[in-house]
Amino acid sequence: MGSIKRLFTVAMLILLSGTMILSATEQNGQTKTVYPVPSAILMDAYRYLGALDNFSFDAITTNDDIFRDIMLQEFTHRIHVDLQRPGKLQIHISGDLKNRSIYMLNDSFTIIDHDLNFYGEIQTPKTIDSTLDHLFEKYEIKAPLANLLYTDLDKRIAPKEKGHYFGTTHVDGKTCHYIGFVNDQRELQVWIEKGKTPLIRKFSIIDKSGKIDLRSTTLLRWDIKPYFKRKHFIFKAPKNAEKISVEPASLQGGK
């Protein structure tokens, strides 16, 4: 009797696990396969990232753009991110269209364009979360990759769609859950590492709001135990770099 009770307890724990893959079960003589809940997998990944105090990642992004309304162009950028909560951040972007770096140290935020040798500084809130909110609201910055830097992304953009589970596959040698979400405006496909470290290894966003569907795909490689030197997040202006003013989007539009 004790063994049966223990087995029943284990079975209940498995059924209550939102991301557990269940084997085929018999219902009314028919075999039914139960899959993980895609939104639960995504929320686990968001919560895991938000709980990390330090991390680094390298990302390769490929974005579509429309050329003269007749065909698609493809642009690629490489991005490196170093993060130390609550208020230290460094981002380097290089590629076909952008060659920039961003430095955040508590309430000081600096962005430099390496091609133009211009840089600007603004005062921001002291935490990464609050700074991102400030930049999105005041400067109308749109960067899907920046969402991964929040501590509470699971509360900010929880998926409203039911989602689809496509099975497991491999990304950079890691076994990943492959899930997708779709609405009238866009599709989101995400590859999330299976196991105790549910890191987002790859994601694709398909914008369906225009005449031509535009895809953006990002491949990520993580270091969740990085080492940062004491002066790592301090910005030092390059020789001959020119400091310029940085104004909110509302003021820029008024000129």
C-alpha atoms as a PDB file:
ATOM      1  CA  MET A   1       0.000   0.000   0.000  1.00  0.00           C
ATOM      2  CA  GLY A   2       2.883   2.364   0.859  1.00  0.00           C
ATOM      3  CA  SER A   3       4.509   1.804  -2.555  1.00  0.00           C
ATOM      4  CA  ILE A   4       1.231   2.550  -4.363  1.00  0.00           C
ATOM      5  CA  LYS A   5       0.824   5.751  -2.342  1.00  0.00           C
ATOM      6  CA  ARG A   6       4.359   6.892  -3.216  1.00  0.00           C
ATOM      7  CA  LEU A   7       3.781   6.183  -6.894  1.00  0.00           C
ATOM      8  CA  PHE A   8       0.537   8.186  -6.793  1.00  0.00           C
ATOM      9  CA  THR A   9       2.378  11.133  -5.195  1.00  0.00           C
ATOM     10  CA  VAL A  10       5.100  11.069  -7.867  1.00  0.00           C
ATOM     11  CA  ALA A  11       2.466  10.914 -10.604  1.00  0.00           C
ATOM     12  CA  MET A  12       0.681  13.975  -9.184  1.00  0.00           C
ATOM     13  CA  LEU A  13       3.944  15.942  -9.033  1.00  0.00           C
ATOM     14  CA  ILE A  14       4.619  15.153 -12.688  1.00  0.00           C
ATOM     15  CA  LEU A  15       1.126  16.257 -13.710  1.00  0.00           C
ATOM     16  CA  LEU A  16       1.522  19.541 -11.841  1.00  0.00           C
ATOM     17  CA  SER A  17       4.814  20.386 -13.527  1.00  0.00           C
ATOM     18  CA  GLY A  18       4.080  22.973 -16.231  1.00  0.00           C
ATOM     19  CA  THR A  19       7.020  22.091 -18.464  1.00  0.00           C
ATOM     20  CA  MET A  20       7.225  18.323 -17.990  1.00  0.00           C
ATOM     21  CA  ILE A  21       6.863  16.161 -21.103  1.00  0.00           C
ATOM     22  CA  LEU A  22       4.415  13.373 -20.367  1.00  0.00           C
ATOM     23  CA  SER A  23       4.427  10.045 -22.107  1.00  0.00           C
ATOM     24  CA  ALA A  24       1.453   8.769 -24.095  1.00  0.00           C
ATOM     25  CA  THR A  25      -1.536   7.940 -21.917  1.00  0.00           C
ATOM     26  CA  GLU A  26      -4.589   5.781 -22.443  1.00  0.00           C
ATOM     27  CA  GLN A  27      -8.008   7.481 -22.383  1.00  0.00           C
ATOM     28  CA  ASN A  28     -11.119   5.518 -23.293  1.00  0.00           C
ATOM     29  CA  GLY A  29      -8.971   3.026 -25.113  1.00  0.00           C
ATOM     30  CA  GLN A  30      -7.246   5.716 -27.215  1.00  0.00           C
ATOM     31  CA  THR A  31      -3.649   6.886 -26.964  1.00  0.00           C
ATOM     32  CA  LYS A  32      -3.228  10.607 -26.276  1.00  0.00           C
ATOM     33  CA  THR A  33       0.103  12.413 -26.103  1.00  0.00           C
ATOM     34  CA  VAL A  34       0.348  15.331 -23.669  1.00  0.00           C
ATOM     35  CA  TYR A  35       2.942  18.017 -24.473  1.00  0.00           C
ATOM     36  CA  PRO A  36       4.540  20.746 -22.349  1.00  0.00           C
ATOM     37  CA  VAL A  37       2.827  24.122 -22.068  1.00  0.00           C
ATOM     38  CA  PRO A  38       4.760  26.585 -24.306  1.00  0.00           C
ATOM     39  CA  SER A  39       3.909  29.653 -22.197  1.00  0.00           C
ATOM     40  CA  ALA A  40       5.163  27.873 -19.055  1.00  0.00           C
ATOM     41  CA  ILE A  41       8.467  27.072 -20.784  1.00  0.00           C
ATOM     42  CA  LEU A  42       8.886  30.706 -21.828  1.00  0.00           C
ATOM     43  CA  MET A  43       8.005  32.041 -18.372  1.00  0.00           C
ATOM     44  CA  ASP A  44      10.549  29.677 -16.780  1.00  0.00           C
ATOM     45  CA  ALA A  45      13.211  31.091 -19.093  1.00  0.00           C
ATOM     46  CA  TYR A  46      12.260  34.692 -18.275  1.00  0.00           C
ATOM     47  CA  ARG A  47      12.307  34.025 -14.526  1.00  0.00           C
ATOM     48  CA  TYR A  48      15.641  32.234 -14.745  1.00  0.00           C
ATOM     49  CA  LEU A  49      17.275  35.149 -16.577  1.00  0.00           C
ATOM     50  CA  GLY A  50      15.740  37.681 -14.221  1.00  0.00           C
ATOM     51  CA  ALA A  51      17.213  35.898 -11.200  1.00  0.00           C
ATOM     52  CA  LEU A  52      20.788  36.001 -12.528  1.00  0.00           C
ATOM     53  CA  ASP A  53      22.917  38.756 -10.961  1.00  0.00           C
ATOM     54  CA  ASN A  54      25.612  38.559 -13.638  1.00  0.00           C
ATOM     55  CA  PHE A  55      25.829  37.224 -17.167  1.00  0.00           C
ATOM     56  CA  SER A  56      27.365  37.768 -20.569  1.00  0.00           C
ATOM     57  CA  PHE A  57      26.195  36.705 -23.977  1.00  0.00           C
ATOM     58  CA  ASP A  58      27.220  36.942 -27.595  1.00  0.00           C
ATOM     59  CA  ALA A  59      24.444  37.255 -30.134  1.00  0.00           C
ATOM     60  CA  ILE A  60      24.273  37.165 -33.903  1.00  0.00           C
ATOM     61  CA  THR A  61      21.164  38.844 -35.299  1.00  0.00           C
ATOM     62  CA  THR A  62      19.907  38.732 -38.868  1.00  0.00           C
ATOM     63  CA  ASN A  63      17.189  41.229 -39.821  1.00  0.00           C
ATOM     64  CA  ASP A  64      15.132  41.653 -42.980  1.00  0.00           C
ATOM     65  CA  ASP A  65      14.391  45.054 -44.472  1.00  0.00           C
ATOM     66  CA  ILE A  66      12.457  46.110 -47.569  1.00  0.00           C
ATOM     67  CA  PHE A  67      14.380  47.450 -50.568  1.00  0.00           C
ATOM     68  CA  ARG A  68      12.279  49.900 -52.630  1.00  0.00           C
ATOM     69  CA  ASP A  69       9.121  47.872 -51.957  1.00  0.00           C
ATOM     70  CA  ILE A  70      10.301  45.171 -54.362  1.00  0.00           C
ATOM     71  CA  MET A  71      12.506  42.747 -52.408  1.00  0.00           C
ATOM     72  CA  LEU A  72      14.041  41.892 -49.071  1.00  0.00           C
ATOM     73  CA  GLN A  73      17.462  42.900 -47.835  1.00  0.00           C
ATOM     74  CA  GLU A  74      19.288  41.064 -45.066  1.00  0.00           C
ATOM     75  CA  PHE A  75      21.505  42.711 -42.457  1.00  0.00           C
ATOM     76  CA  THR A  76      23.639  40.977 -39.833  1.00  0.00           C
ATOM     77  CA  HIS A  77      24.997  42.326 -36.546  1.00  0.00           C
ATOM     78  CA  ARG A  78      27.112  40.863 -33.759  1.00  0.00           C
ATOM     79  CA  ILE A  79      26.310  41.910 -30.229  1.00  0.00           C
ATOM     80  CA  HIS A  80      28.173  41.357 -26.965  1.00  0.00           C
ATOM     81  CA  VAL A  81      26.495  42.070 -23.633  1.00  0.00           C
ATOM     82  CA  ASP A  82      27.995  42.169 -20.129  1.00  0.00           C
ATOM     83  CA  LEU A  83      25.572  42.681 -17.241  1.00  0.00           C
ATOM     84  CA  GLN A  84      26.030  43.059 -13.504  1.00  0.00           C
ATOM     85  CA  ARG A  85      22.946  43.927 -11.503  1.00  0.00           C
ATOM     86  CA  PRO A  86      21.629  46.236 -10.360  1.00  0.00           C
ATOM     87  CA  GLY A  87      23.220  49.012 -12.437  1.00  0.00           C
ATOM     88  CA  LYS A  88      26.157  47.964 -14.607  1.00  0.00           C
ATOM     89  CA  LEU A  89      25.856  47.199 -18.295  1.00  0.00           C
ATOM     90  CA  GLN A  90      28.060  47.162 -21.374  1.00  0.00           C
ATOM     91  CA  ILE A  91      26.902  46.437 -24.936  1.00  0.00           C
ATOM     92  CA  HIS A  92      28.922  46.330 -28.153  1.00  0.00           C
ATOM     93  CA  ILE A  93      27.220  46.187 -31.557  1.00  0.00           C
ATOM     94  CA  SER A  94      28.994  45.747 -34.890  1.00  0.00           C
ATOM     95  CA  GLY A  95      27.757  44.774 -38.323  1.00  0.00           C
ATOM     96  CA  ASP A  96      26.306  45.934 -41.605  1.00  0.00           C
ATOM     97  CA  LEU A  97      24.557  49.081 -40.326  1.00  0.00           C
ATOM     98  CA  LYS A  98      25.742  49.779 -36.780  1.00  0.00           C
ATOM     99  CA  ASN A  99      29.056  50.006 -34.978  1.00  0.00           C
ATOM    100  CA  ARG A 100      28.218  51.254 -31.501  1.00  0.00           C
ATOM    101  CA  SER A 101      28.855  50.674 -27.820  1.00  0.00           C
ATOM    102  CA  ILE A 102      26.751  51.377 -24.752  1.00  0.00           C
ATOM    103  CA  TYR A 103      28.020  51.820 -21.199  1.00  0.00           C
ATOM    104  CA  MET A 104      25.885  52.040 -18.095  1.00  0.00           C
ATOM    105  CA  LEU A 105      27.349  52.601 -14.648  1.00  0.00           C
ATOM    106  CA  ASN A 106      24.667  53.242 -12.057  1.00  0.00           C
ATOM    107  CA  ASP A 107      23.005  56.514 -13.164  1.00  0.00           C
ATOM    108  CA  SER A 108      25.375  57.329 -16.032  1.00  0.00           C
ATOM    109  CA  PHE A 109      24.474  56.085 -19.531  1.00  0.00           C
ATOM    110  CA  THR A 110      26.813  56.595 -22.505  1.00  0.00           C
ATOM    111  CA  ILE A 111      26.424  55.639 -26.157  1.00  0.00           C
ATOM    112  CA  ILE A 112      29.185  55.981 -28.732  1.00  0.00           C
ATOM    113  CA  ASP A 113      29.111  55.600 -32.512  1.00  0.00           C
ATOM    114  CA  HIS A 114      32.534  54.261 -33.490  1.00  0.00           C
ATOM    115  CA  ASP A 115      32.169  55.082 -37.183  1.00  0.00           C
ATOM    116  CA  LEU A 116      31.315  58.734 -36.572  1.00  0.00           C
ATOM    117  CA  ASN A 117      33.440  58.992 -33.414  1.00  0.00           C
ATOM    118  CA  PHE A 118      30.571  60.737 -31.619  1.00  0.00           C
ATOM    119  CA  TYR A 119      29.391  59.936 -28.104  1.00  0.00           C
ATOM    120  CA  GLY A 120      26.615  61.195 -25.857  1.00  0.00           C
ATOM    121  CA  GLU A 121      25.913  60.899 -22.160  1.00  0.00           C
ATOM    122  CA  ILE A 122      22.656  61.148 -20.228  1.00  0.00           C
ATOM    123  CA  GLN A 123      21.653  60.696 -16.631  1.00  0.00           C
ATOM    124  CA  THR A 124      19.352  57.759 -16.045  1.00  0.00           C
ATOM    125  CA  PRO A 125      17.883  55.835 -13.085  1.00  0.00           C
ATOM    126  CA  LYS A 126      20.312  53.673 -11.137  1.00  0.00           C
ATOM    127  CA  THR A 127      18.964  50.241 -12.085  1.00  0.00           C
ATOM    128  CA  ILE A 128      19.015  48.493 -15.440  1.00  0.00           C
ATOM    129  CA  ASP A 129      15.251  47.878 -15.374  1.00  0.00           C
ATOM    130  CA  SER A 130      14.414  51.529 -14.711  1.00  0.00           C
ATOM    131  CA  THR A 131      16.972  52.740 -17.239  1.00  0.00           C
ATOM    132  CA  LEU A 132      15.496  50.559 -19.982  1.00  0.00           C
ATOM    133  CA  ASP A 133      12.030  51.895 -19.188  1.00  0.00           C
ATOM    134  CA  HIS A 134      13.383  55.453 -19.315  1.00  0.00           C
ATOM    135  CA  LEU A 135      15.060  54.890 -22.686  1.00  0.00           C
ATOM    136  CA  PHE A 136      12.030  53.206 -24.244  1.00  0.00           C
ATOM    137  CA  GLU A 137       9.667  55.961 -23.078  1.00  0.00           C
ATOM    138  CA  LYS A 138      11.794  59.080 -23.629  1.00  0.00           C
ATOM    139  CA  TYR A 139      13.883  58.058 -26.625  1.00  0.00           C
ATOM    140  CA  GLU A 140      11.557  55.553 -28.306  1.00  0.00           C
ATOM    141  CA  ILE A 141      14.256  52.912 -28.536  1.00  0.00           C
ATOM    142  CA  LYS A 142      13.010  49.562 -29.827  1.00  0.00           C
ATOM    143  CA  ALA A 143      15.292  46.589 -29.220  1.00  0.00           C
ATOM    144  CA  PRO A 144      13.809  43.101 -28.667  1.00  0.00           C
ATOM    145  CA  LEU A 145      17.180  41.855 -27.405  1.00  0.00           C
ATOM    146  CA  ALA A 146      17.088  44.426 -24.590  1.00  0.00           C
ATOM    147  CA  ASN A 147      14.037  42.646 -23.146  1.00  0.00           C
ATOM    148  CA  LEU A 148      16.342  39.852 -21.991  1.00  0.00           C
ATOM    149  CA  LEU A 149      18.012  42.265 -19.553  1.00  0.00           C
ATOM    150  CA  TYR A 150      14.946  42.812 -17.351  1.00  0.00           C
ATOM    151  CA  THR A 151      14.543  41.106 -13.976  1.00  0.00           C
ATOM    152  CA  ASP A 152      10.759  40.769 -14.335  1.00  0.00           C
ATOM    153  CA  LEU A 153      10.132  40.058 -17.993  1.00  0.00           C
ATOM    154  CA  ASP A 154       7.713  37.282 -17.036  1.00  0.00           C
ATOM    155  CA  LYS A 155       5.401  39.963 -15.599  1.00  0.00           C
ATOM    156  CA  ARG A 156       5.903  42.475 -18.420  1.00  0.00           C
ATOM    157  CA  ILE A 157       5.247  40.486 -21.587  1.00  0.00           C
ATOM    158  CA  ALA A 158       3.614  37.217 -20.619  1.00  0.00           C
ATOM    159  CA  PRO A 159       2.326  35.560 -23.824  1.00  0.00           C
ATOM    160  CA  LYS A 160      -1.411  35.984 -24.402  1.00  0.00           C
ATOM    161  CA  GLU A 161      -1.506  33.294 -27.068  1.00  0.00           C
ATOM    162  CA  LYS A 162      -1.840  29.618 -26.209  1.00  0.00           C
ATOM    163  CA  GLY A 163       1.333  28.742 -28.053  1.00  0.00           C
ATOM    164  CA  HIS A 164       2.523  25.684 -29.929  1.00  0.00           C
ATOM    165  CA  TYR A 165       5.033  23.018 -28.961  1.00  0.00           C
ATOM    166  CA  PHE A 166       7.103  21.690 -31.873  1.00  0.00           C
ATOM    167  CA  GLY A 167       9.213  19.190 -29.913  1.00  0.00           C
ATOM    168  CA  THR A 168      12.909  19.264 -29.059  1.00  0.00           C
ATOM    169  CA  THR A 169      15.852  20.076 -31.278  1.00  0.00           C
ATOM    170  CA  HIS A 170      19.508  21.070 -30.921  1.00  0.00           C
ATOM    171  CA  VAL A 171      20.987  24.557 -30.977  1.00  0.00           C
ATOM    172  CA  ASP A 172      24.772  24.797 -30.600  1.00  0.00           C
ATOM    173  CA  GLY A 173      24.822  21.287 -29.190  1.00  0.00           C
ATOM    174  CA  LYS A 174      22.184  22.036 -26.532  1.00  0.00           C
ATOM    175  CA  THR A 175      18.882  20.166 -26.447  1.00  0.00           C
ATOM    176  CA  CYS A 176      16.129  22.775 -26.628  1.00  0.00           C
ATOM    177  CA  HIS A 177      12.372  23.032 -26.413  1.00  0.00           C
ATOM    178  CA  TYR A 178      11.108  24.527 -29.684  1.00  0.00           C
ATOM    179  CA  ILE A 179       7.976  26.619 -29.150  1.00  0.00           C
ATOM    180  CA  GLY A 180       5.988  29.235 -31.053  1.00  0.00           C
ATOM    181  CA  PHE A 181       3.332  31.918 -30.587  1.00  0.00           C
ATOM    182  CA  VAL A 182       1.276  33.670 -33.251  1.00  0.00           C
ATOM    183  CA  ASN A 183      -1.247  36.485 -33.572  1.00  0.00           C
ATOM    184  CA  ASP A 184      -2.421  38.778 -36.377  1.00  0.00           C
ATOM    185  CA  GLN A 185       0.624  41.050 -36.091  1.00  0.00           C
ATOM    186  CA  ARG A 186       3.551  38.719 -35.556  1.00  0.00           C
ATOM    187  CA  GLU A 187       4.944  35.271 -34.946  1.00  0.00           C
ATOM    188  CA  LEU A 188       7.460  34.435 -32.222  1.00  0.00           C
ATOM    189  CA  GLN A 189       9.503  31.230 -32.318  1.00  0.00           C
ATOM    190  CA  VAL A 190      11.838  30.421 -29.423  1.00  0.00           C
ATOM    191  CA  TRP A 191      14.393  27.701 -28.710  1.00  0.00           C
ATOM    192  CA  ILE A 192      14.927  27.268 -24.943  1.00  0.00           C
ATOM    193  CA  GLU A 193      17.513  24.998 -23.382  1.00  0.00           C
ATOM    194  CA  LYS A 194      15.977  21.978 -21.700  1.00  0.00           C
ATOM    195  CA  GLY A 195      16.911  21.242 -18.088  1.00  0.00           C
ATOM    196  CA  LYS A 196      18.073  23.247 -15.080  1.00  0.00           C
ATOM    197  CA  THR A 197      19.408  26.179 -17.122  1.00  0.00           C
ATOM    198  CA  PRO A 198      16.471  27.260 -19.346  1.00  0.00           C
ATOM    199  CA  LEU A 199      18.448  29.761 -21.398  1.00  0.00           C
ATOM    200  CA  ILE A 200      17.008  31.215 -24.587  1.00  0.00           C
ATOM    201  CA  ARG A 201      19.377  29.909 -27.243  1.00  0.00           C
ATOM    202  CA  LYS A 202      17.613  31.282 -30.304  1.00  0.00           C
ATOM    203  CA  PHE A 203      14.527  33.256 -31.247  1.00  0.00           C
ATOM    204  CA  SER A 204      12.841  34.497 -34.410  1.00  0.00           C
ATOM    205  CA  ILE A 205      10.303  37.285 -34.774  1.00  0.00           C
ATOM    206  CA  ILE A 206       8.195  37.529 -37.933  1.00  0.00           C
ATOM    207  CA  ASP A 207       6.459  40.875 -38.452  1.00  0.00           C
ATOM    208  CA  LYS A 208       3.226  40.357 -40.404  1.00  0.00           C
ATOM    209  CA  SER A 209       1.881  43.911 -40.135  1.00  0.00           C
ATOM    210  CA  GLY A 210       3.169  45.088 -43.546  1.00  0.00           C
ATOM    211  CA  LYS A 211       2.842  43.977 -47.151  1.00  0.00           C
ATOM    212  CA  ILE A 212       5.876  41.706 -46.808  1.00  0.00           C
ATOM    213  CA  ASP A 213       6.613  39.537 -43.765  1.00  0.00           C
ATOM    214  CA  LEU A 214       9.899  40.580 -42.162  1.00  0.00           C
ATOM    215  CA  ARG A 215      11.952  38.146 -40.092  1.00  0.00           C
ATOM    216  CA  SER A 216      14.506  38.836 -37.381  1.00  0.00           C
ATOM    217  CA  THR A 217      16.517  35.871 -36.043  1.00  0.00           C
ATOM    218  CA  THR A 218      18.936  35.898 -33.109  1.00  0.00           C
ATOM    219  CA  LEU A 219      21.346  33.163 -31.994  1.00  0.00           C
ATOM    220  CA  LEU A 220      22.671  33.476 -28.416  1.00  0.00           C
ATOM    221  CA  ARG A 221      25.697  32.029 -26.609  1.00  0.00           C
ATOM    222  CA  TRP A 222      25.709  32.530 -22.848  1.00  0.00           C
ATOM    223  CA  ASP A 223      28.192  32.814 -19.992  1.00  0.00           C
ATOM    224  CA  ILE A 224      26.280  32.788 -16.707  1.00  0.00           C
ATOM    225  CA  LYS A 225      29.413  32.974 -14.553  1.00  0.00           C
ATOM    226  CA  PRO A 226      31.452  35.792 -16.110  1.00  0.00           C
ATOM    227  CA  TYR A 227      34.357  37.579 -14.444  1.00  0.00           C
ATOM    228  CA  PHE A 228      34.455  41.361 -14.689  1.00  0.00           C
ATOM    229  CA  LYS A 229      37.434  43.480 -13.732  1.00  0.00           C
ATOM    230  CA  ARG A 230      36.881  46.389 -11.380  1.00  0.00           C
ATOM    231  CA  LYS A 231      36.955  49.063 -14.119  1.00  0.00           C
ATOM    232  CA  HIS A 232      35.161  47.026 -16.754  1.00  0.00           C
ATOM    233  CA  PHE A 233      32.012  49.152 -16.956  1.00  0.00           C
ATOM    234  CA  ILE A 234      33.714  52.564 -16.915  1.00  0.00           C
ATOM    235  CA  PHE A 235      33.532  54.482 -20.206  1.00  0.00           C
ATOM    236  CA  LYS A 236      36.683  56.171 -21.451  1.00  0.00           C
ATOM    237  CA  ALA A 237      36.231  58.370 -24.497  1.00  0.00           C
ATOM    238  CA  PRO A 238      38.525  57.480 -27.421  1.00  0.00           C
ATOM    239  CA  LYS A 239      41.057  60.023 -28.629  1.00  0.00           C
ATOM    240  CA  ASN A 240      39.490  62.820 -30.719  1.00  0.00           C
ATOM    241  CA  ALA A 241      35.952  61.578 -30.018  1.00  0.00           C
ATOM    242  CA  GLU A 242      33.405  64.399 -30.037  1.00  0.00           C
ATOM    243  CA  LYS A 243      30.781  64.679 -27.324  1.00  0.00           C
ATOM    244  CA  ILE A 244      27.302  65.578 -28.590  1.00  0.00           C
ATOM    245  CA  SER A 245      23.968  66.234 -26.892  1.00  0.00           C
ATOM    246  CA  VAL A 246      21.354  63.492 -26.684  1.00  0.00           C
ATOM    247  CA  GLU A 247      17.742  64.664 -26.793  1.00  0.00           C
ATOM    248  CA  PRO A 248      14.437  62.850 -26.236  1.00  0.00           C
ATOM    249  CA  ALA A 249      12.515  61.744 -29.307  1.00  0.00           C
ATOM    250  CA  SER A 250       9.791  64.368 -28.679  1.00  0.00           C
ATOM    251  CA  LEU A 251      12.317  67.175 -28.996  1.00  0.00           C
ATOM    252  CA  GLN A 252      13.945  65.637 -32.058  1.00  0.00           C
ATOM    253  CA  GLY A 253      10.583  65.484 -33.820  1.00  0.00           C
ATOM    254  CA  GLY A 254       9.935  69.127 -33.045  1.00  0.00           C
ATOM    255  CA  LYS A 255      12.934  70.370 -34.962  1.00  0.00           C
END
